[in-house]
Protein backbone atom coordinates (compact mmCIF):
# COMPACT_ATOMS: atom_id res chain seq x y z
CA UNK A 1 93.37 112.62 124.44
CA UNK A 2 96.95 113.25 123.70
CA UNK A 3 98.19 116.09 122.02
CA UNK A 4 100.16 115.75 118.75
CA UNK A 5 103.88 116.49 118.42
CA UNK A 6 106.10 117.65 116.02
CA UNK A 7 109.93 118.34 114.93
CA UNK A 8 112.39 116.03 116.74
CA UNK A 9 110.26 115.57 120.07
CA UNK A 10 107.97 113.35 117.81
CA UNK A 11 110.70 111.46 115.96
CA UNK A 12 112.36 110.49 119.08
CA UNK A 13 109.07 109.28 120.68
CA UNK A 14 108.72 107.47 117.60
CA UNK A 15 112.28 106.07 118.28
CA UNK A 16 111.22 105.04 121.56
CA UNK A 17 108.44 103.16 120.57
CA UNK A 18 109.91 101.58 117.46
CA UNK A 19 113.03 99.76 119.55
CA UNK A 20 110.09 97.89 121.45
CA UNK A 21 108.21 96.91 118.15
CA UNK A 22 111.34 95.78 116.48
CA UNK A 23 112.43 93.83 119.22
CA UNK A 24 109.01 91.85 119.78
CA UNK A 25 108.95 91.60 116.15
CA UNK A 26 112.63 90.21 115.99
CA UNK A 27 111.78 87.60 118.61
CA UNK A 28 108.86 85.97 116.45
CA UNK A 29 111.60 85.21 113.69
CA UNK A 30 115.05 84.97 115.46
CA UNK A 31 114.02 81.79 117.18
CA UNK A 32 114.06 79.83 114.47
CA UNK A 33 117.75 79.60 113.01
CA UNK A 34 118.58 78.51 116.79
CA UNK A 35 116.12 75.75 117.15
CA UNK A 36 118.76 73.01 115.92
CA UNK A 37 121.45 74.41 118.54
CA UNK A 38 118.81 74.31 121.55
CA UNK A 39 117.21 70.85 120.73
CA UNK A 40 121.01 69.39 120.97
CA UNK A 41 122.17 71.93 123.70
CA UNK A 42 118.62 70.99 125.76
CA UNK A 43 118.80 67.46 124.66
CA UNK A 44 114.81 67.70 123.59
CA UNK A 45 113.48 66.66 120.60
CA UNK A 46 112.83 69.09 117.66
CA UNK A 47 109.23 69.22 117.72
CA UNK A 48 109.10 70.43 121.30
CA UNK A 49 111.93 73.09 120.68
CA UNK A 50 109.33 74.42 117.94
CA UNK A 51 107.14 75.23 120.75
CA UNK A 52 109.27 78.06 121.85
CA UNK A 53 108.03 79.77 118.33
CA UNK A 54 104.86 78.25 118.47
CA UNK A 55 103.81 79.50 122.22
CA UNK A 56 104.99 83.47 121.81
CA UNK A 57 103.19 83.65 118.49
CA UNK A 58 99.87 81.85 119.83
CA UNK A 59 99.89 83.97 123.05
CA UNK A 60 100.73 87.23 120.91
CA UNK A 61 98.15 86.57 118.22
CA UNK A 62 95.13 85.65 121.38
CA UNK A 63 95.89 88.88 123.67
CA UNK A 64 96.28 91.63 120.88
CA UNK A 65 92.71 92.58 121.16
CA UNK A 66 92.67 92.21 125.21
CA UNK A 67 95.31 94.76 125.14
CA UNK A 68 94.42 97.13 122.72
CA UNK A 69 90.87 97.18 124.48
CA UNK A 70 92.67 98.28 127.61
CA UNK A 71 94.58 100.58 125.70
CA UNK A 72 91.33 102.27 124.94
CA UNK A 73 89.91 102.21 128.33
CA UNK A 74 93.07 103.24 130.19
CA UNK A 75 95.77 104.68 127.81
CA UNK A 76 97.40 103.61 125.09
CA UNK A 77 101.12 104.67 126.54
CA UNK A 78 100.18 103.71 130.02
CA UNK A 79 99.86 99.74 128.59
CA UNK A 80 102.49 100.22 126.47
CA UNK A 81 104.96 101.17 129.12
CA UNK A 82 103.77 97.97 130.87
CA UNK A 83 104.54 95.79 128.12
CA UNK A 84 108.12 97.08 127.69
CA UNK A 85 108.90 96.15 131.47
CA UNK A 86 107.51 92.62 130.88
CA UNK A 87 108.85 91.67 127.66
CA UNK A 88 112.42 92.56 129.01
CA UNK A 89 111.96 90.79 132.21
CA UNK A 90 110.82 88.35 130.04
CA UNK A 91 113.93 88.18 127.96
CA UNK A 92 116.22 87.93 130.87
CA UNK A 93 114.53 84.67 131.97
CA UNK A 94 114.23 83.12 128.06
CA UNK A 95 118.04 83.73 128.35
CA UNK A 96 118.47 81.11 131.91
CA UNK A 97 118.74 77.24 130.67
CA UNK A 98 116.95 75.85 133.36
CA UNK A 99 115.13 73.26 130.79
CA UNK A 100 112.62 73.88 128.19
CA UNK A 101 109.28 74.30 130.93
CA UNK A 102 111.05 77.37 132.15
CA UNK A 103 111.76 78.46 128.73
CA UNK A 104 108.56 78.10 127.31
CA UNK A 105 107.16 80.00 130.67
CA UNK A 106 109.80 82.71 129.93
CA UNK A 107 108.55 82.95 126.38
CA UNK A 108 105.24 83.39 127.60
CA UNK A 109 106.25 86.52 129.81
CA UNK A 110 107.78 87.55 126.61
CA UNK A 111 104.56 87.28 124.67
CA UNK A 112 102.52 88.93 127.18
CA UNK A 113 104.69 92.03 126.74
CA UNK A 114 104.82 92.29 123.23
CA UNK A 115 101.35 92.10 123.14
CA UNK A 116 100.64 94.85 125.06
CA UNK A 117 103.40 97.09 122.90
CA UNK A 118 102.36 95.40 119.21
CA UNK A 119 98.64 96.10 120.23
CA UNK A 120 98.94 99.95 121.08
CA UNK A 121 102.29 100.99 119.17
CA UNK A 122 100.07 101.94 115.92
CA UNK A 123 97.46 103.77 118.25
CA UNK A 124 100.03 105.70 119.72
CA UNK A 125 101.47 106.74 116.51
CA UNK A 126 98.51 108.02 115.19
CA UNK A 127 97.84 110.02 118.09
CA UNK A 128 101.34 111.70 118.72
CA UNK A 129 101.74 112.21 114.95
CA UNK A 130 99.75 115.50 113.13
CA UNK A 131 97.89 114.17 110.29
CA UNK A 132 100.57 116.07 107.86
CA UNK A 133 103.23 113.60 109.37
CA UNK A 134 101.28 110.47 109.85
CA UNK A 135 102.23 108.84 106.70
CA UNK A 136 106.05 109.46 107.68
CA UNK A 137 105.49 108.22 111.37
CA UNK A 138 103.89 105.50 109.76
CA UNK A 139 106.75 104.40 107.55
CA UNK A 140 109.16 104.88 110.73
CA UNK A 141 107.11 102.13 112.77
CA UNK A 142 106.39 100.30 109.79
CA UNK A 143 110.37 99.94 108.95
CA UNK A 144 111.13 98.76 112.52
CA UNK A 145 107.87 96.13 112.20
CA UNK A 146 109.45 94.67 109.09
CA UNK A 147 113.06 95.02 109.79
CA UNK A 148 112.29 93.03 113.16
CA UNK A 149 110.58 90.01 110.94
CA UNK A 150 112.99 90.24 108.34
CA UNK A 151 116.07 90.49 110.38
CA UNK A 152 115.63 87.49 112.88
CA UNK A 153 117.47 84.47 110.65
CA UNK A 154 120.11 86.94 109.92
CA UNK A 155 120.97 88.10 113.53
CA UNK A 156 120.01 85.08 115.13
CA UNK A 157 122.85 83.15 112.80
CA UNK A 158 125.64 85.77 113.43
CA UNK A 159 125.01 85.38 117.09
CA UNK A 160 125.16 81.84 117.11
CA UNK A 161 128.40 81.98 115.13
CA UNK A 162 130.12 82.94 118.62
CA UNK A 163 127.80 82.70 121.26
CA UNK A 164 125.24 80.69 122.83
CA UNK A 165 121.52 80.63 122.31
CA UNK A 166 120.85 82.14 125.46
CA UNK A 167 122.00 85.34 123.80
CA UNK A 168 119.50 85.45 121.05
CA UNK A 169 117.41 86.57 124.01
CA UNK A 170 119.83 88.49 126.04
CA UNK A 171 120.34 90.95 123.24
CA UNK A 172 116.81 92.41 124.10
CA UNK A 173 117.79 93.54 127.44
CA UNK A 174 120.17 96.51 127.10
CA UNK A 175 118.14 97.70 123.89
CA UNK A 176 114.86 97.46 126.63
CA UNK A 177 116.88 99.35 129.47
CA UNK A 178 117.35 101.99 126.50
CA UNK A 179 113.94 102.08 125.45
CA UNK A 180 112.52 102.15 128.63
CA UNK A 181 114.29 104.72 129.94
CA UNK A 182 113.62 106.88 126.35
CA UNK A 183 110.11 106.21 126.96
CA UNK A 184 110.06 107.75 130.56
CA UNK A 185 111.12 111.03 129.06
CA UNK A 186 109.89 111.25 125.90
CA UNK A 187 106.41 109.56 125.88
CA UNK A 188 103.93 111.89 127.37
CA UNK A 189 101.60 110.89 130.58
CA UNK A 190 98.72 109.16 130.64
CA UNK A 191 95.77 111.53 130.64
CA UNK A 192 93.42 108.49 131.75
CA UNK A 193 93.76 108.60 135.58
CA UNK A 194 91.83 106.00 137.66
CA UNK A 195 89.96 104.68 135.51
CA UNK A 196 88.26 101.08 136.72
CA UNK A 197 88.50 99.20 133.35
CA UNK A 198 85.47 96.65 132.25
CA UNK A 199 86.69 93.37 130.51
CA UNK A 200 84.74 91.47 128.52
CA UNK A 201 86.54 87.95 129.66
CA UNK A 202 84.15 85.25 127.80
CA UNK A 203 85.05 87.53 124.40
CA UNK A 204 88.88 87.56 125.29
CA UNK A 205 88.97 83.64 126.43
CA UNK A 206 86.96 82.60 123.24
CA UNK A 207 89.27 84.77 121.06
CA UNK A 208 92.36 82.71 122.43
CA UNK A 209 90.80 79.90 122.05
CA UNK A 210 90.22 80.41 118.22
CA UNK A 211 93.34 81.62 117.76
CA UNK A 212 95.17 78.95 119.84
CA UNK A 213 93.11 76.11 118.38
CA UNK A 214 93.63 77.50 114.73
CA UNK A 215 97.14 77.42 115.29
CA UNK A 216 97.34 74.21 116.14
CA UNK A 217 95.53 72.91 113.41
CA UNK A 218 97.72 74.61 110.90
CA UNK A 219 100.61 73.18 112.75
CA UNK A 220 99.40 69.26 112.45
CA UNK A 221 97.89 70.15 108.73
CA UNK A 222 101.62 70.99 107.69
CA UNK A 223 102.43 67.28 108.97
CA UNK A 224 99.46 65.22 108.34
CA UNK A 225 98.05 67.20 105.75
CA UNK A 226 94.84 69.19 105.64
CA UNK A 227 92.28 66.80 105.05
CA UNK A 228 93.35 64.41 107.40
CA UNK A 229 91.02 63.74 110.25
CA UNK A 230 92.79 65.52 113.30
CA UNK A 231 93.70 68.65 111.64
CA UNK A 232 90.08 68.95 110.32
CA UNK A 233 88.62 68.60 113.71
CA UNK A 234 90.96 70.85 115.46
CA UNK A 235 90.27 73.50 112.77
CA UNK A 236 86.23 72.91 112.58
CA UNK A 237 86.64 73.65 116.69
CA UNK A 238 88.31 76.90 116.10
CA UNK A 239 85.79 77.93 113.54
CA UNK A 240 83.11 77.29 116.21
CA UNK A 241 85.03 79.04 118.73
CA UNK A 242 85.00 81.80 116.22
CA UNK A 243 81.33 82.07 115.33
CA UNK A 244 80.83 81.80 119.41
CA UNK A 245 82.96 84.94 119.79
CA UNK A 246 81.30 86.84 117.22
CA UNK A 247 77.91 85.80 118.28
CA UNK A 248 78.91 87.10 121.92
CA UNK A 249 80.37 90.61 120.73
CA UNK A 250 77.34 91.47 118.87
CA UNK A 251 75.52 91.27 121.79
CA UNK A 252 77.72 92.47 124.53
CA UNK A 253 77.15 95.48 126.69
CA UNK A 254 81.06 96.14 126.67
CA UNK A 255 82.69 94.02 124.13
CA UNK A 256 86.14 93.32 123.99
CA UNK A 257 85.95 93.99 120.23
CA UNK A 258 83.37 96.38 118.76
CA UNK A 259 82.47 94.93 115.49
CA UNK A 260 81.08 97.95 114.37
CA UNK A 261 84.83 99.20 113.35
CA UNK A 262 84.34 96.86 110.28
CA UNK A 263 81.34 99.00 108.79
CA UNK A 264 84.08 100.78 107.45
CA UNK A 265 85.05 99.48 104.18
CA UNK A 266 87.87 101.14 103.97
CA UNK A 267 89.29 100.32 107.22
CA UNK A 268 88.28 96.42 106.51
CA UNK A 269 89.64 96.30 103.09
CA UNK A 270 92.97 97.82 104.20
CA UNK A 271 93.21 95.37 107.46
CA UNK A 272 92.38 92.26 104.58
CA UNK A 273 95.24 93.57 102.27
CA UNK A 274 97.70 93.54 104.90
CA UNK A 275 97.20 90.13 105.91
CA UNK A 276 97.29 89.12 102.23
CA UNK A 277 100.80 91.18 102.01
CA UNK A 278 102.55 89.82 105.30
CA UNK A 279 101.25 85.86 104.28
CA UNK A 280 103.11 86.32 100.98
CA UNK A 281 106.08 87.76 102.96
CA UNK A 282 106.79 84.53 104.69
CA UNK A 283 106.62 82.75 101.38
CA UNK A 284 110.52 84.17 100.79
CA UNK A 285 111.42 83.70 104.37
CA UNK A 286 110.84 80.25 104.17
CA UNK A 287 111.99 79.46 100.65
CA UNK A 288 114.59 81.55 100.77
CA UNK A 289 117.34 79.74 102.90
CA UNK A 290 116.64 76.43 101.07
CA UNK A 291 117.19 77.71 97.73
CA UNK A 292 120.18 80.00 98.85
CA UNK A 293 122.08 77.31 100.83
CA UNK A 294 120.67 73.94 99.65
CA UNK A 295 119.93 74.46 95.84
CA UNK A 296 123.20 77.15 95.68
CA UNK A 297 125.28 76.02 98.09
CA UNK A 298 125.93 79.45 99.91
CA UNK A 299 127.16 79.31 102.99
CA UNK A 300 124.90 80.29 106.32
CA UNK A 301 126.67 83.83 105.94
CA UNK A 302 126.59 84.47 102.66
CA UNK A 303 122.49 83.58 102.44
CA UNK A 304 122.72 85.83 105.12
CA UNK A 305 123.95 88.69 103.80
CA UNK A 306 121.47 87.96 100.32
CA UNK A 307 118.82 87.93 103.00
CA UNK A 308 119.75 91.41 104.35
CA UNK A 309 119.14 92.88 101.11
CA UNK A 310 115.04 92.72 101.55
CA UNK A 311 115.28 94.72 105.17
CA UNK A 312 118.02 97.34 103.87
CA UNK A 313 115.84 98.31 100.65
CA UNK A 314 112.69 98.28 103.12
CA UNK A 315 114.10 100.65 105.50
CA UNK A 316 116.03 103.29 102.88
CA UNK A 317 113.05 103.59 100.78
CA UNK A 318 110.63 103.71 103.80
CA UNK A 319 111.20 107.55 104.17
CA UNK A 320 110.43 107.88 100.51
CA UNK A 321 107.41 106.42 101.03
CA UNK A 322 106.13 107.79 104.10
CA UNK A 323 106.60 111.50 102.61
CA UNK A 324 104.80 110.60 99.30
CA UNK A 325 102.01 109.36 101.51
CA UNK A 326 101.87 112.48 103.35
CA UNK A 327 101.78 114.51 100.01
CA UNK A 328 100.15 112.23 97.71
CA UNK A 329 97.20 109.91 97.56
CA UNK A 330 97.84 107.19 99.88
CA UNK A 331 95.83 105.01 97.52
CA UNK A 332 97.82 105.05 94.68
CA UNK A 333 101.14 104.69 96.48
CA UNK A 334 99.79 101.22 98.32
CA UNK A 335 98.92 100.12 94.57
CA UNK A 336 102.48 101.04 93.31
CA UNK A 337 103.72 99.28 96.20
CA UNK A 338 101.62 95.87 95.56
CA UNK A 339 101.95 96.20 91.91
CA UNK A 340 106.12 95.74 92.60
CA UNK A 341 105.63 92.96 94.87
CA UNK A 342 103.24 91.13 92.39
CA UNK A 343 106.00 91.49 89.76
CA UNK A 344 108.80 90.67 91.99
CA UNK A 345 106.80 87.30 93.02
CA UNK A 346 105.89 86.22 89.67
CA UNK A 347 109.83 86.94 88.84
CA UNK A 348 110.41 84.13 91.11
CA UNK A 349 108.69 81.70 88.78
CA UNK A 350 111.88 82.06 86.45
CA UNK A 351 114.52 81.67 88.85
CA UNK A 352 116.53 78.35 89.38
CA UNK A 353 119.89 76.70 89.53
CA UNK A 354 121.78 78.98 87.44
CA UNK A 355 120.09 82.51 87.95
CA UNK A 356 122.64 85.02 88.31
CA UNK A 357 123.31 85.84 92.00
CA UNK A 358 122.84 89.35 90.66
CA UNK A 359 119.11 88.99 89.96
CA UNK A 360 118.56 87.26 92.76
CA UNK A 361 119.99 90.26 95.09
CA UNK A 362 117.54 92.33 92.74
CA UNK A 363 114.47 90.37 93.27
CA UNK A 364 115.00 90.57 97.16
CA UNK A 365 115.93 94.10 97.19
CA UNK A 366 112.53 94.64 95.13
CA UNK A 367 110.63 92.34 97.63
CA UNK A 368 112.00 95.24 100.58
CA UNK A 369 111.60 98.19 97.74
CA UNK A 370 107.98 97.65 97.37
CA UNK A 371 107.03 96.20 101.10
CA UNK A 372 108.15 100.10 101.76
CA UNK A 373 105.67 101.66 99.61
CA UNK A 374 102.84 99.26 100.33
CA UNK A 375 103.15 99.02 103.99
CA UNK A 376 103.59 102.55 105.52
CA UNK A 377 100.20 104.06 103.73
CA UNK A 378 98.35 101.35 104.02
CA UNK A 379 98.95 101.09 107.95
CA UNK A 380 97.82 105.25 107.82
CA UNK A 381 94.79 104.39 105.64
CA UNK A 382 94.02 101.60 108.76
CA UNK A 383 94.08 104.02 111.57
CA UNK A 384 92.95 107.19 109.49
CA UNK A 385 89.59 105.04 108.95
CA UNK A 386 89.35 103.79 112.59
CA UNK A 387 87.16 105.92 115.31
CA UNK A 388 89.51 108.00 117.43
CA UNK A 389 88.15 106.54 120.90
CA UNK A 390 89.05 102.87 119.00
CA UNK A 391 92.44 103.28 117.97
CA UNK A 392 93.83 100.86 120.73
CA UNK A 393 91.39 98.23 118.80
CA UNK A 394 92.70 99.15 115.09
CA UNK A 395 95.84 98.95 116.39
CA UNK A 396 95.44 95.67 117.57
CA UNK A 397 93.46 94.31 114.71
CA UNK A 398 96.33 95.39 112.60
CA UNK A 399 98.96 93.83 114.27
CA UNK A 400 96.79 90.51 114.50
CA UNK A 401 96.27 90.94 110.89
CA UNK A 402 99.84 90.63 110.47
CA UNK A 403 100.88 87.81 112.81
CA UNK A 404 98.02 85.60 111.36
CA UNK A 405 99.40 86.39 107.96
CA UNK A 406 102.90 85.28 109.50
CA UNK A 407 101.24 81.73 110.50
CA UNK A 408 99.12 81.64 107.42
CA UNK A 409 102.07 82.25 105.32
CA UNK A 410 104.27 80.15 106.88
CA UNK A 411 101.58 76.95 106.96
CA UNK A 412 100.63 77.91 103.17
CA UNK A 413 103.72 77.52 101.75
CA UNK A 414 105.39 74.65 103.36
CA UNK A 415 102.09 73.11 102.56
CA UNK A 416 102.18 73.88 98.62
CA UNK A 417 106.30 73.31 98.63
CA UNK A 418 105.68 69.79 100.43
CA UNK A 419 102.63 68.70 98.25
CA UNK A 420 104.46 70.00 94.80
CA UNK A 421 107.85 68.03 95.70
CA UNK A 422 105.84 64.97 96.92
CA UNK A 423 103.93 64.94 93.57
CA UNK A 424 107.07 65.43 91.43
CA UNK A 425 108.89 62.03 93.56
CA UNK A 426 105.76 59.79 94.33
CA UNK A 427 106.68 59.57 97.90
CA UNK A 428 106.00 61.91 100.69
CA UNK A 429 108.58 64.83 101.36
CA UNK A 430 108.80 67.19 104.09
CA UNK A 431 112.24 68.03 104.12
CA UNK A 432 114.67 69.62 100.99
CA UNK A 433 115.09 66.56 98.67
CA UNK A 434 118.92 66.64 98.37
CA UNK A 435 119.20 64.05 95.54
CA UNK A 436 116.45 65.62 93.43
CA UNK A 437 117.08 69.67 93.47
CA UNK A 438 114.65 69.70 89.84
CA UNK A 439 111.89 68.72 92.46
CA UNK A 440 112.72 71.95 94.98
CA UNK A 441 112.82 74.33 92.11
CA UNK A 442 109.25 72.91 91.02
CA UNK A 443 107.65 73.31 94.38
CA UNK A 444 109.10 76.57 94.59
CA UNK A 445 108.23 77.99 91.29
CA UNK A 446 104.56 77.04 92.35
CA UNK A 447 104.21 78.82 95.64
CA UNK A 448 105.67 81.78 94.45
CA UNK A 449 102.78 81.59 91.39
CA UNK A 450 100.25 80.96 94.74
CA UNK A 451 101.78 84.19 96.58
CA UNK A 452 101.90 86.02 93.38
CA UNK A 453 98.09 85.50 93.04
CA UNK A 454 97.45 86.56 96.82
CA UNK A 455 98.99 89.82 95.95
CA UNK A 456 96.91 90.01 92.47
CA UNK A 457 93.77 89.62 94.69
CA UNK A 458 95.20 92.32 97.39
CA UNK A 459 95.90 94.67 94.53
CA UNK A 460 91.99 94.37 93.05
CA UNK A 461 90.97 94.78 96.64
CA UNK A 462 92.64 97.96 96.84
CA UNK A 463 92.07 98.98 94.01
CA UNK A 464 88.34 98.41 94.55
CA UNK A 465 88.95 100.75 97.22
CA UNK A 466 89.95 103.51 94.85
CA UNK A 467 87.06 103.10 92.97
CA UNK A 468 84.66 102.89 95.73
CA UNK A 469 85.86 106.39 97.47
CA UNK A 470 85.70 107.91 93.88
CA UNK A 471 81.96 106.74 93.87
CA UNK A 472 81.24 108.31 97.13
CA UNK A 473 82.66 111.54 96.76
CA UNK A 474 81.04 111.79 93.18
CA UNK A 475 77.52 110.76 94.78
């Protein structure tokens, strides 16, 4: 087991981890804004170009548990280091325009590397940071995670104004090299040497198939509707693989994912809450470009500047939330963050075409403020309630909850938005209705109300967690 660090060495180590966490999450969102350019320059249909995003998220989500398990067996830092090299190599390849098949291969390589780093970053943080600094260390890493997820569209837009789409991948290379060198000097050597890993191949394959087929079903449902035959059958097949995975893991001698980790109610509730909150994050991510550019008529650059208010506010207040999480009860800091997020989300219900832009900016900054006070203490709660020998698996589950939240949130918000607009106009609508902005506003209001309800559920679950812990103390 690695020894805890403190002082400057700890924060330099966290920076090395944070840089790669930032890049791997950034690549999940930065490509979206480049899809029209890539489609045009590569002479491929838009629906084929979107697979550059899909394959990245599918491979990461499907492999997180595997590399979390390997991190527990071989050493989290060892797997993380390999992942940094693989991801940087994938970034070099992804910027070389040799057609769509080669780009998809490069995105696969990137995703393998990203899953190795994502699944072990929280475990490394928990191991290296002493208990009295864990909240601040978690807030530091959480800031990089959210910054990468949210900054993608804005950064991608700025790069594409002056450079080709290749640079949205190549921008990772110099940062990756710096992080690799920094990690070599700052991260301690793995204490596990000569260990032969035992891999639960059936568990790994069945979990990957569950994630991949579920994602495919959600993608098809966005076009055909959730009650259409193809998405219904696809989602049922995914559920079958999930059931097979769970049954196998319960009886496997060396399971990929030791399900006894879910016996901790505090761990499980914190994980579900993280999933719900990240799902609602992507309601804003999807709706805001429509709102700012189409409804309000702002330029892409100006819209990007408004969108930046969210990650900037989160970055500024993450340090405050981390300090409070170390000095106060983490449960109450989490509840405060959820309260702010819910109030902001329901406030969007009153936004329209004439809402002062100052109010819009305050709402976006409010989301970043609330996220800062939720994410860091919740991450600390997840990792603190996991067994020490399962920190890799716990970290991978945390990252998996985040990724599945992104996928579910994107699917849910587009489904709600398009369904409401279609009902308003009496015809199928799958894009912004330029001649009927009132239909978009109605769809946006309902979508934000759904997101608000999800946050209320997260709040109730967290409050139950507080009540349950109090009852255990009294007992």
